[in-house]
């Protein structure tokens, strides 16, 4: 009896479906990932409060304003005593805070959203004077998208970190 020896056949694995699945997973996780923290500016040192509780329901339309100081990255000391608004890569002093508010108002007007329905989240450094925060809220309330608008922003929340013992 004669036996024929065949060379060993190494099965080839088709990697195309696996690569497709990996790209599908990457796309899925990118879609469901919460990028909300991008609005938080690390230069703002939020005050700590025992009563600070995260919001249960997130508003449909929201504007986040970051108010803080320029700090030395090594020592965390305040470089300039003037509070700044960190908005779209800019550092705006208090006299210029109406500019981004007007931009946000025009944005929501283009979406046909009433400013009274937009929540303004103020992330303010714990060292910023309270009077300045009150002035910012008044500027928000006086902001109009156009001359026909009857009111400005009306809903506000102040952000703080929860104090733990």
N, C-alpha and C. Protein backbone atom coordinates (compact mmCIF):
# COMPACT_ATOMS: atom_id res chain seq x y z
N UNK A 1 0.83 -1.16 0.00
CA UNK A 1 0.00 0.00 0.00
C UNK A 1 0.88 1.24 0.00
N UNK A 2 0.52 2.11 -0.86
CA UNK A 2 1.30 3.31 -1.03
C UNK A 2 0.62 4.49 -0.35
N UNK A 3 1.34 5.19 0.50
CA UNK A 3 0.82 6.40 1.14
C UNK A 3 1.42 7.62 0.49
N UNK A 4 0.56 8.54 0.21
CA UNK A 4 1.03 9.81 -0.37
C UNK A 4 1.13 10.85 0.73
N UNK A 5 2.22 11.41 0.80
CA UNK A 5 2.43 12.44 1.83
C UNK A 5 2.11 13.80 1.23
N UNK A 6 1.16 14.46 1.86
CA UNK A 6 0.79 15.81 1.44
C UNK A 6 1.45 16.80 2.39
N UNK A 7 1.85 17.93 1.87
CA UNK A 7 2.43 18.97 2.73
C UNK A 7 1.38 19.45 3.74
N UNK A 8 1.85 19.85 4.87
CA UNK A 8 0.91 20.30 5.89
C UNK A 8 0.23 21.59 5.44
N UNK A 9 -1.06 21.65 5.59
CA UNK A 9 -1.83 22.84 5.22
C UNK A 9 -2.08 23.68 6.47
N UNK A 10 -1.55 24.88 6.47
CA UNK A 10 -1.80 25.79 7.58
C UNK A 10 -3.02 26.62 7.21
N UNK A 11 -4.06 26.53 8.02
CA UNK A 11 -5.26 27.30 7.68
C UNK A 11 -4.98 28.80 7.83
N UNK A 12 -5.47 29.56 6.89
CA UNK A 12 -5.32 31.00 6.95
C UNK A 12 -6.56 31.60 7.60
N UNK A 13 -6.33 32.54 8.49
CA UNK A 13 -7.44 33.19 9.17
C UNK A 13 -7.75 34.49 8.44
N UNK A 14 -9.01 34.67 8.11
CA UNK A 14 -9.45 35.89 7.44
C UNK A 14 -9.71 36.95 8.52
N UNK A 15 -8.87 37.99 8.58
CA UNK A 15 -8.97 39.01 9.63
C UNK A 15 -9.94 40.15 9.28
N UNK A 16 -10.44 40.17 8.09
CA UNK A 16 -11.32 41.26 7.67
C UNK A 16 -12.55 41.42 8.56
N UNK A 17 -13.29 40.34 8.88
CA UNK A 17 -14.45 40.54 9.76
C UNK A 17 -14.06 41.04 11.16
N UNK A 18 -12.93 40.58 11.68
CA UNK A 18 -12.51 41.03 13.01
C UNK A 18 -12.17 42.52 13.00
N UNK A 19 -11.51 42.98 11.96
CA UNK A 19 -11.19 44.40 11.84
C UNK A 19 -12.47 45.23 11.74
N UNK A 20 -13.45 44.73 10.98
CA UNK A 20 -14.74 45.42 10.87
C UNK A 20 -15.41 45.53 12.24
N UNK A 21 -15.38 44.46 13.01
CA UNK A 21 -16.01 44.48 14.33
C UNK A 21 -15.30 45.47 15.25
N UNK A 22 -13.97 45.50 15.21
CA UNK A 22 -13.21 46.43 16.05
C UNK A 22 -13.57 47.87 15.70
N UNK A 23 -13.65 48.20 14.43
CA UNK A 23 -14.01 49.56 14.04
C UNK A 23 -15.45 49.89 14.44
N UNK A 24 -16.34 48.91 14.36
CA UNK A 24 -17.72 49.13 14.82
C UNK A 24 -17.75 49.43 16.32
N UNK A 25 -16.96 48.70 17.10
CA UNK A 25 -16.90 48.94 18.54
C UNK A 25 -16.32 50.32 18.86
N UNK A 26 -15.27 50.70 18.14
CA UNK A 26 -14.68 52.03 18.36
C UNK A 26 -15.72 53.12 18.07
N UNK A 27 -16.43 52.98 16.95
CA UNK A 27 -17.45 53.97 16.60
C UNK A 27 -18.55 53.99 17.65
N UNK A 28 -18.98 52.84 18.13
CA UNK A 28 -20.02 52.76 19.15
C UNK A 28 -19.61 53.47 20.43
N UNK A 29 -18.40 53.21 20.92
CA UNK A 29 -17.97 53.82 22.17
C UNK A 29 -17.72 55.32 22.02
N UNK A 30 -17.33 55.76 20.84
CA UNK A 30 -17.17 57.20 20.62
C UNK A 30 -18.52 57.90 20.66
N UNK A 31 -19.56 57.25 20.16
CA UNK A 31 -20.89 57.85 20.15
C UNK A 31 -21.48 57.94 21.55
N UNK A 32 -21.29 56.90 22.37
CA UNK A 32 -21.92 56.90 23.69
C UNK A 32 -21.08 57.57 24.77
N UNK A 33 -19.83 57.90 24.48
CA UNK A 33 -18.98 58.52 25.48
C UNK A 33 -19.48 59.93 25.79
N UNK A 34 -19.46 60.28 27.05
CA UNK A 34 -19.91 61.60 27.49
C UNK A 34 -18.74 62.57 27.41
N UNK A 35 -18.82 63.51 26.48
CA UNK A 35 -17.76 64.49 26.31
C UNK A 35 -18.10 65.77 27.06
N UNK A 36 -19.05 65.73 27.97
CA UNK A 36 -19.52 66.92 28.69
C UNK A 36 -18.40 67.57 29.50
N UNK A 37 -17.45 66.82 29.96
CA UNK A 37 -16.39 67.37 30.79
C UNK A 37 -15.48 68.32 30.01
N UNK A 38 -15.58 68.33 28.68
CA UNK A 38 -14.77 69.26 27.90
C UNK A 38 -15.12 70.71 28.21
N UNK A 39 -16.33 70.97 28.71
CA UNK A 39 -16.72 72.32 29.05
C UNK A 39 -16.13 72.76 30.38
N UNK A 40 -15.64 71.83 31.15
CA UNK A 40 -15.04 72.15 32.44
C UNK A 40 -13.59 72.60 32.22
N UNK A 41 -13.23 73.72 32.79
CA UNK A 41 -11.88 74.25 32.66
C UNK A 41 -11.11 73.95 33.94
N UNK A 42 -9.97 73.30 33.78
CA UNK A 42 -9.19 72.89 34.96
C UNK A 42 -8.58 74.07 35.72
N UNK A 43 -8.57 75.26 35.13
CA UNK A 43 -8.04 76.43 35.83
C UNK A 43 -9.01 76.97 36.88
N UNK A 44 -10.24 76.51 36.83
CA UNK A 44 -11.25 76.97 37.79
C UNK A 44 -11.25 76.01 38.98
N UNK A 45 -10.98 76.55 40.17
CA UNK A 45 -11.00 75.77 41.41
C UNK A 45 -12.35 75.97 42.08
N UNK A 46 -13.23 75.00 41.91
CA UNK A 46 -14.58 75.14 42.44
C UNK A 46 -14.57 75.14 43.97
N UNK A 47 -15.49 75.92 44.58
CA UNK A 47 -15.59 75.88 46.04
C UNK A 47 -16.14 74.54 46.49
N UNK A 48 -15.83 74.17 47.72
CA UNK A 48 -16.34 72.92 48.28
C UNK A 48 -17.49 73.24 49.22
N UNK A 49 -18.55 72.46 49.11
CA UNK A 49 -19.73 72.69 49.94
C UNK A 49 -20.34 71.34 50.29
N UNK A 50 -20.81 71.22 51.51
CA UNK A 50 -21.43 69.99 51.99
C UNK A 50 -22.72 69.70 51.23
N UNK A 51 -23.41 70.74 50.77
CA UNK A 51 -24.70 70.57 50.12
C UNK A 51 -24.62 70.43 48.60
N UNK A 52 -23.42 70.46 48.05
CA UNK A 52 -23.27 70.35 46.60
C UNK A 52 -23.66 68.94 46.15
N UNK A 53 -24.67 68.89 45.28
CA UNK A 53 -25.18 67.61 44.78
C UNK A 53 -25.22 67.71 43.26
N UNK A 54 -24.74 66.68 42.56
CA UNK A 54 -24.82 66.72 41.10
C UNK A 54 -26.26 66.77 40.62
N UNK A 55 -26.46 67.40 39.49
CA UNK A 55 -27.81 67.52 38.93
C UNK A 55 -28.33 66.15 38.53
N UNK A 56 -29.60 65.90 38.82
CA UNK A 56 -30.20 64.62 38.49
C UNK A 56 -30.64 64.62 37.02
N UNK A 57 -31.27 65.71 36.60
CA UNK A 57 -31.75 65.83 35.23
C UNK A 57 -30.93 66.89 34.53
N UNK A 58 -30.37 66.53 33.40
CA UNK A 58 -29.57 67.48 32.64
C UNK A 58 -30.49 68.29 31.73
N UNK A 59 -30.33 69.64 31.74
CA UNK A 59 -31.20 70.45 30.88
C UNK A 59 -30.94 70.18 29.39
N UNK A 60 -31.98 70.39 28.60
CA UNK A 60 -31.87 70.16 27.15
C UNK A 60 -30.92 71.16 26.51
N UNK A 61 -31.03 72.44 26.91
CA UNK A 61 -30.17 73.49 26.37
C UNK A 61 -29.39 74.11 27.53
N UNK A 62 -28.09 74.18 27.38
CA UNK A 62 -27.26 74.66 28.49
C UNK A 62 -26.05 75.43 27.98
N UNK A 63 -25.66 76.45 28.75
CA UNK A 63 -24.45 77.23 28.50
C UNK A 63 -23.58 77.08 29.75
N UNK A 64 -22.31 76.78 29.57
CA UNK A 64 -21.40 76.67 30.70
C UNK A 64 -20.41 77.82 30.65
N UNK A 65 -20.32 78.56 31.75
CA UNK A 65 -19.39 79.69 31.87
C UNK A 65 -18.35 79.35 32.94
N UNK A 66 -17.08 79.41 32.59
CA UNK A 66 -15.98 79.13 33.51
C UNK A 66 -15.33 80.44 33.93
N UNK A 67 -15.39 80.75 35.24
CA UNK A 67 -14.81 81.98 35.77
C UNK A 67 -13.72 81.59 36.77
N UNK A 68 -12.53 82.12 36.56
CA UNK A 68 -11.43 81.78 37.46
C UNK A 68 -10.28 82.75 37.32
N UNK A 69 -9.13 82.32 37.77
CA UNK A 69 -7.92 83.14 37.76
C UNK A 69 -6.82 82.43 36.99
N UNK A 70 -5.89 83.24 36.49
CA UNK A 70 -4.67 82.65 35.95
C UNK A 70 -3.83 82.24 37.14
N UNK A 71 -3.39 81.00 37.14
CA UNK A 71 -2.61 80.47 38.25
C UNK A 71 -1.26 79.97 37.77
N UNK A 72 -0.30 80.03 38.68
CA UNK A 72 1.03 79.47 38.41
C UNK A 72 0.87 77.95 38.39
N UNK A 73 1.29 77.29 37.32
CA UNK A 73 1.08 75.84 37.25
C UNK A 73 1.87 75.06 38.31
N UNK A 74 2.98 75.62 38.78
CA UNK A 74 3.79 74.89 39.75
C UNK A 74 3.28 75.06 41.18
N UNK A 75 2.96 76.30 41.55
CA UNK A 75 2.58 76.58 42.94
C UNK A 75 1.08 76.72 43.14
N UNK A 76 0.31 76.82 42.05
CA UNK A 76 -1.14 77.01 42.10
C UNK A 76 -1.53 78.36 42.71
N UNK A 77 -0.59 79.28 42.76
CA UNK A 77 -0.86 80.63 43.27
C UNK A 77 -1.49 81.47 42.16
N UNK A 78 -2.37 82.39 42.57
CA UNK A 78 -3.02 83.28 41.62
C UNK A 78 -2.01 84.29 41.11
N UNK A 79 -1.86 84.38 39.78
CA UNK A 79 -0.89 85.30 39.17
C UNK A 79 -1.46 86.71 39.12
N UNK A 80 -2.70 86.84 38.65
CA UNK A 80 -3.35 88.14 38.52
C UNK A 80 -4.63 88.13 39.35
N UNK A 81 -4.90 89.21 40.09
CA UNK A 81 -6.10 89.23 40.94
C UNK A 81 -7.40 89.43 40.15
N UNK A 82 -7.31 89.72 38.87
CA UNK A 82 -8.51 89.95 38.05
C UNK A 82 -9.10 88.62 37.61
N UNK A 83 -10.36 88.33 37.97
CA UNK A 83 -11.00 87.10 37.50
C UNK A 83 -11.19 87.15 35.99
N UNK A 84 -11.10 86.00 35.36
CA UNK A 84 -11.23 85.89 33.92
C UNK A 84 -12.30 84.86 33.57
N UNK A 85 -12.95 85.08 32.42
CA UNK A 85 -13.85 84.06 31.89
C UNK A 85 -13.06 83.31 30.83
N UNK A 86 -12.98 82.00 30.98
CA UNK A 86 -12.30 81.15 30.02
C UNK A 86 -13.35 80.65 29.04
N UNK A 87 -13.33 81.23 27.82
CA UNK A 87 -14.38 80.96 26.85
C UNK A 87 -13.75 80.78 25.48
N UNK A 88 -13.93 79.63 24.89
CA UNK A 88 -13.47 79.33 23.52
C UNK A 88 -11.99 79.65 23.34
N UNK A 89 -11.18 79.27 24.32
CA UNK A 89 -9.74 79.50 24.23
C UNK A 89 -9.31 80.91 24.56
N UNK A 90 -10.22 81.78 24.93
CA UNK A 90 -9.90 83.16 25.27
C UNK A 90 -9.98 83.36 26.77
N UNK A 91 -9.28 84.37 27.25
CA UNK A 91 -9.34 84.78 28.65
C UNK A 91 -9.91 86.19 28.67
N UNK A 92 -11.18 86.31 29.07
CA UNK A 92 -11.87 87.59 29.00
C UNK A 92 -12.00 88.22 30.38
N UNK A 93 -11.61 89.51 30.52
CA UNK A 93 -11.82 90.21 31.78
C UNK A 93 -13.30 90.54 31.96
N UNK A 94 -13.73 90.92 33.18
CA UNK A 94 -15.16 91.16 33.44
C UNK A 94 -15.83 92.14 32.48
N UNK A 95 -15.12 93.17 32.02
CA UNK A 95 -15.76 94.15 31.14
C UNK A 95 -16.15 93.55 29.79
N UNK A 96 -15.56 92.39 29.42
CA UNK A 96 -15.84 91.75 28.13
C UNK A 96 -16.75 90.52 28.27
N UNK A 97 -17.32 90.30 29.43
CA UNK A 97 -18.13 89.11 29.62
C UNK A 97 -19.43 89.13 28.85
N UNK A 98 -19.89 90.28 28.41
CA UNK A 98 -21.14 90.35 27.64
C UNK A 98 -20.96 89.78 26.23
N UNK A 99 -19.72 89.77 25.72
CA UNK A 99 -19.47 89.30 24.35
C UNK A 99 -19.84 87.83 24.17
N UNK A 100 -19.32 86.90 25.00
CA UNK A 100 -19.73 85.50 24.81
C UNK A 100 -21.21 85.26 25.11
N UNK A 101 -21.78 86.05 26.01
CA UNK A 101 -23.21 85.90 26.28
C UNK A 101 -24.04 86.24 25.06
N UNK A 102 -23.64 87.31 24.37
CA UNK A 102 -24.34 87.69 23.14
C UNK A 102 -24.17 86.62 22.06
N UNK A 103 -22.97 86.02 21.98
CA UNK A 103 -22.74 84.94 21.00
C UNK A 103 -23.63 83.74 21.29
N UNK A 104 -23.71 83.37 22.55
CA UNK A 104 -24.57 82.25 22.93
C UNK A 104 -26.03 82.57 22.65
N UNK A 105 -26.45 83.80 22.92
CA UNK A 105 -27.84 84.20 22.66
C UNK A 105 -28.15 84.10 21.17
N UNK A 106 -27.23 84.56 20.31
CA UNK A 106 -27.45 84.46 18.86
C UNK A 106 -27.51 83.00 18.41
N UNK A 107 -26.67 82.16 19.04
CA UNK A 107 -26.67 80.73 18.71
C UNK A 107 -28.03 80.10 18.99
N UNK A 108 -28.57 80.37 20.17
CA UNK A 108 -29.86 79.79 20.53
C UNK A 108 -31.00 80.42 19.73
N UNK A 109 -30.84 81.67 19.33
CA UNK A 109 -31.84 82.29 18.47
C UNK A 109 -31.86 81.58 17.12
N UNK A 110 -30.67 81.23 16.61
CA UNK A 110 -30.60 80.51 15.33
C UNK A 110 -31.25 79.14 15.44
N UNK A 111 -31.21 78.53 16.62
CA UNK A 111 -31.87 77.24 16.83
C UNK A 111 -33.35 77.40 17.15
N UNK A 112 -33.82 78.65 17.23
CA UNK A 112 -35.20 78.98 17.58
C UNK A 112 -35.56 78.47 18.98
N UNK A 113 -34.63 78.71 19.93
CA UNK A 113 -34.83 78.34 21.33
C UNK A 113 -34.96 79.62 22.15
N UNK A 114 -35.99 79.68 22.98
CA UNK A 114 -36.20 80.84 23.85
C UNK A 114 -35.11 80.84 24.92
N UNK A 115 -34.50 82.00 25.16
CA UNK A 115 -33.42 82.10 26.14
C UNK A 115 -33.88 81.75 27.55
N UNK A 116 -35.14 81.93 27.84
CA UNK A 116 -35.66 81.59 29.17
C UNK A 116 -35.61 80.08 29.41
N UNK A 117 -35.51 79.28 28.35
CA UNK A 117 -35.44 77.83 28.47
C UNK A 117 -34.01 77.32 28.59
N UNK A 118 -33.04 78.19 28.39
CA UNK A 118 -31.63 77.79 28.41
C UNK A 118 -31.09 77.92 29.83
N UNK A 119 -30.47 76.84 30.32
CA UNK A 119 -29.87 76.86 31.65
C UNK A 119 -28.43 77.36 31.55
N UNK A 120 -28.06 78.29 32.40
CA UNK A 120 -26.69 78.81 32.45
C UNK A 120 -26.02 78.20 33.66
N UNK A 121 -24.98 77.40 33.41
CA UNK A 121 -24.21 76.80 34.49
C UNK A 121 -22.96 77.64 34.71
N UNK A 122 -22.82 78.19 35.90
CA UNK A 122 -21.67 79.04 36.22
C UNK A 122 -20.70 78.22 37.06
N UNK A 123 -19.54 77.92 36.48
CA UNK A 123 -18.46 77.24 37.20
C UNK A 123 -17.49 78.33 37.63
N UNK A 124 -17.56 78.70 38.88
CA UNK A 124 -16.81 79.85 39.35
C UNK A 124 -15.79 79.43 40.41
N UNK A 125 -14.59 79.95 40.28
CA UNK A 125 -13.53 79.71 41.26
C UNK A 125 -14.01 80.17 42.63
N UNK A 126 -13.63 79.44 43.67
CA UNK A 126 -14.04 79.78 45.03
C UNK A 126 -13.52 81.11 45.52
N UNK A 127 -12.47 81.66 44.88
CA UNK A 127 -11.88 82.93 45.30
C UNK A 127 -12.47 84.14 44.59
N UNK A 128 -13.38 83.93 43.64
CA UNK A 128 -14.00 85.05 42.92
C UNK A 128 -15.01 85.72 43.86
N UNK A 129 -14.99 87.06 43.94
CA UNK A 129 -15.94 87.76 44.82
C UNK A 129 -17.39 87.48 44.42
N UNK A 130 -18.23 87.32 45.42
CA UNK A 130 -19.64 87.02 45.19
C UNK A 130 -20.33 88.11 44.38
N UNK A 131 -19.98 89.36 44.61
CA UNK A 131 -20.59 90.47 43.87
C UNK A 131 -20.36 90.35 42.38
N UNK A 132 -19.20 89.83 41.99
CA UNK A 132 -18.89 89.67 40.57
C UNK A 132 -19.78 88.59 39.94
N UNK A 133 -20.07 87.55 40.70
CA UNK A 133 -20.97 86.50 40.21
C UNK A 133 -22.38 87.07 40.04
N UNK A 134 -22.80 87.91 40.97
CA UNK A 134 -24.11 88.55 40.85
C UNK A 134 -24.18 89.45 39.62
N UNK A 135 -23.10 90.18 39.35
CA UNK A 135 -23.06 91.02 38.14
C UNK A 135 -23.15 90.16 36.89
N UNK A 136 -22.48 89.01 36.90
CA UNK A 136 -22.53 88.11 35.75
C UNK A 136 -23.96 87.62 35.53
N UNK A 137 -24.66 87.27 36.59
CA UNK A 137 -26.05 86.82 36.47
C UNK A 137 -26.92 87.94 35.91
N UNK A 138 -26.70 89.18 36.36
CA UNK A 138 -27.46 90.31 35.82
C UNK A 138 -27.18 90.51 34.33
N UNK A 139 -25.90 90.36 33.92
CA UNK A 139 -25.58 90.47 32.49
C UNK A 139 -26.29 89.38 31.70
N UNK A 140 -26.35 88.18 32.26
CA UNK A 140 -27.05 87.08 31.58
C UNK A 140 -28.53 87.41 31.43
N UNK A 141 -29.13 87.96 32.48
CA UNK A 141 -30.55 88.29 32.43
C UNK A 141 -30.84 89.42 31.45
N UNK A 142 -29.89 90.31 31.25
CA UNK A 142 -30.07 91.45 30.34
C UNK A 142 -29.67 91.14 28.91
N UNK A 143 -29.10 89.96 28.66
CA UNK A 143 -28.67 89.60 27.31
C UNK A 143 -29.88 89.29 26.46
N UNK A 144 -29.92 89.86 25.28
CA UNK A 144 -31.00 89.63 24.33
C UNK A 144 -30.39 89.16 23.01
N UNK A 145 -31.07 88.24 22.38
CA UNK A 145 -30.59 87.76 21.08
C UNK A 145 -30.81 88.81 20.01
N UNK A 146 -31.91 89.51 20.09
CA UNK A 146 -32.20 90.58 19.15
C UNK A 146 -33.05 91.62 19.86
N UNK A 147 -33.41 92.65 19.17
CA UNK A 147 -34.18 93.74 19.78
C UNK A 147 -35.59 93.30 20.17
N UNK A 148 -36.14 92.29 19.47
CA UNK A 148 -37.50 91.86 19.78
C UNK A 148 -37.57 90.92 20.98
N UNK A 149 -36.46 90.37 21.42
CA UNK A 149 -36.49 89.43 22.54
C UNK A 149 -36.95 90.14 23.80
N UNK A 150 -37.84 89.49 24.52
CA UNK A 150 -38.39 90.12 25.72
C UNK A 150 -37.52 89.88 26.95
N UNK A 151 -36.78 88.80 26.97
CA UNK A 151 -35.98 88.51 28.15
C UNK A 151 -34.71 87.77 27.77
N UNK A 152 -33.79 87.77 28.71
CA UNK A 152 -32.52 87.07 28.51
C UNK A 152 -32.55 85.71 29.19
N UNK A 153 -31.38 85.23 29.57
CA UNK A 153 -31.27 83.96 30.27
C UNK A 153 -31.94 84.08 31.64
N UNK A 154 -32.67 83.06 32.05
CA UNK A 154 -33.40 83.12 33.31
C UNK A 154 -33.10 81.97 34.26
N UNK A 155 -32.52 80.89 33.77
CA UNK A 155 -32.27 79.72 34.60
C UNK A 155 -30.77 79.62 34.89
N UNK A 156 -30.42 79.50 36.16
CA UNK A 156 -29.01 79.50 36.56
C UNK A 156 -28.71 78.37 37.54
N UNK A 157 -27.49 77.88 37.46
CA UNK A 157 -26.99 76.95 38.48
C UNK A 157 -25.52 77.29 38.72
N UNK A 158 -25.12 77.21 39.98
CA UNK A 158 -23.73 77.46 40.35
C UNK A 158 -23.10 76.13 40.68
N UNK A 159 -21.94 75.90 40.17
CA UNK A 159 -21.26 74.62 40.34
C UNK A 159 -20.31 74.67 41.51
N UNK A 160 -20.30 73.62 42.31
CA UNK A 160 -19.36 73.47 43.42
C UNK A 160 -19.02 71.99 43.53
N UNK A 161 -17.92 71.69 44.20
CA UNK A 161 -17.58 70.28 44.44
C UNK A 161 -18.07 69.91 45.83
N UNK A 162 -18.43 68.66 45.98
CA UNK A 162 -18.97 68.22 47.27
C UNK A 162 -17.85 68.03 48.28
N UNK A 163 -18.04 68.63 49.45
CA UNK A 163 -17.05 68.53 50.52
C UNK A 163 -17.23 67.17 51.20
N UNK A 164 -16.14 66.44 51.28
CA UNK A 164 -16.17 65.15 51.97
C UNK A 164 -15.34 65.24 53.23
N UNK A 165 -15.75 64.53 54.24
CA UNK A 165 -15.06 64.64 55.52
C UNK A 165 -13.97 63.62 55.63
